[in-house]
Amino acid sequence: MDEDVFNMQVRKFLKQVGVTSQREIEAAVRAAVEDGRLGGDGSVNAKVTLSIEELGLSTDIDGKIDLA
C-alpha cells in the first residue's frame, strides 16, 4: 500500500463528504425555517454513520449544530 496515495484518497473522500454534507444540511435547515418546522435559533442534533462494508466498519458520529 502506498501511504501517500492512500492518505490523499482518504482526504479527497472526506472533502467530498464535507462539502456534500454542508450543502444538504444548509438546504434542509433553510427549508425547515421557511415552512415553520424550525425556528431560526436554537440547535439541531445531527448524526452521521460512516460505514465501509469491506472492512466491517460502522461508526456513528453525533453532534449538535447551533443555528444562532
Protein backbone atom coordinates (compact mmCIF):
# COMPACT_ATOMS: atom_id res chain seq x y z
CA MET A 1 0.00 0.00 0.00
CA ASP A 2 1.28 3.44 -0.92
CA GLU A 3 0.70 5.55 2.20
CA ASP A 4 0.82 8.84 0.29
CA VAL A 5 -1.77 7.72 -2.26
CA PHE A 6 -3.96 6.26 0.47
CA ASN A 7 -3.76 9.45 2.54
CA MET A 8 -4.66 11.63 -0.46
CA GLN A 9 -7.60 9.39 -1.37
CA VAL A 10 -8.96 9.48 2.19
CA ARG A 11 -8.64 13.26 2.23
CA LYS A 12 -10.38 13.51 -1.16
CA PHE A 13 -13.25 11.36 0.10
CA LEU A 14 -13.59 13.36 3.33
CA LYS A 15 -13.62 16.63 1.38
CA GLN A 16 -16.46 15.28 -0.77
CA VAL A 17 -18.33 14.17 2.35
CA GLY A 18 -17.84 17.56 3.99
CA VAL A 19 -18.94 19.64 1.00
CA THR A 20 -21.96 17.46 0.27
CA SER A 21 -22.98 17.28 3.93
CA GLN A 22 -22.77 21.04 4.38
CA ARG A 23 -24.87 21.67 1.27
CA GLU A 24 -27.56 19.20 2.36
CA ILE A 25 -27.69 20.46 5.95
CA GLU A 26 -27.93 24.10 4.88
CA ALA A 27 -30.74 23.35 2.41
CA ALA A 28 -32.69 21.27 4.93
CA VAL A 29 -32.37 23.88 7.70
CA ARG A 30 -33.40 26.73 5.38
CA ALA A 31 -36.44 24.76 4.20
CA ALA A 32 -37.44 23.89 7.77
CA VAL A 33 -37.13 27.53 8.87
CA GLU A 34 -39.12 28.77 5.86
CA ASP A 35 -42.03 26.41 6.42
CA GLY A 36 -42.09 26.90 10.19
CA ARG A 37 -40.90 23.45 11.28
CA LEU A 38 -37.84 25.04 12.86
CA GLY A 39 -37.15 28.38 14.49
CA GLY A 40 -34.18 30.41 13.35
CA ASP A 41 -32.39 29.99 16.66
CA GLY A 42 -31.56 27.07 18.88
CA SER A 43 -29.85 23.97 17.56
CA VAL A 44 -30.39 20.70 15.76
CA ASN A 45 -28.91 17.33 16.61
CA ALA A 46 -27.03 15.60 13.83
CA LYS A 47 -25.80 12.07 13.34
CA VAL A 48 -23.58 10.65 10.61
CA THR A 49 -22.98 6.96 10.11
CA LEU A 50 -19.69 6.06 8.45
CA SER A 51 -19.58 2.58 7.04
CA ILE A 52 -17.18 0.61 4.88
CA GLU A 53 -18.67 -2.81 4.27
CA GLU A 54 -15.42 -4.39 3.04
CA LEU A 55 -13.76 -3.52 6.36
CA GLY A 56 -16.68 -4.30 8.64
CA LEU A 57 -16.58 -0.66 9.76
CA SER A 58 -19.65 1.10 11.02
CA THR A 59 -19.39 4.04 13.39
CA ASP A 60 -21.77 6.82 14.35
CA ILE A 61 -20.68 10.40 14.81
CA ASP A 62 -23.09 12.54 16.85
CA GLY A 63 -23.08 16.30 17.15
CA LYS A 64 -25.08 19.43 17.62
CA ILE A 65 -25.36 22.29 15.14
CA ASP A 66 -26.20 25.67 16.65
CA LEU A 67 -28.33 27.90 14.43
CA ALA A 68 -27.65 31.21 16.14
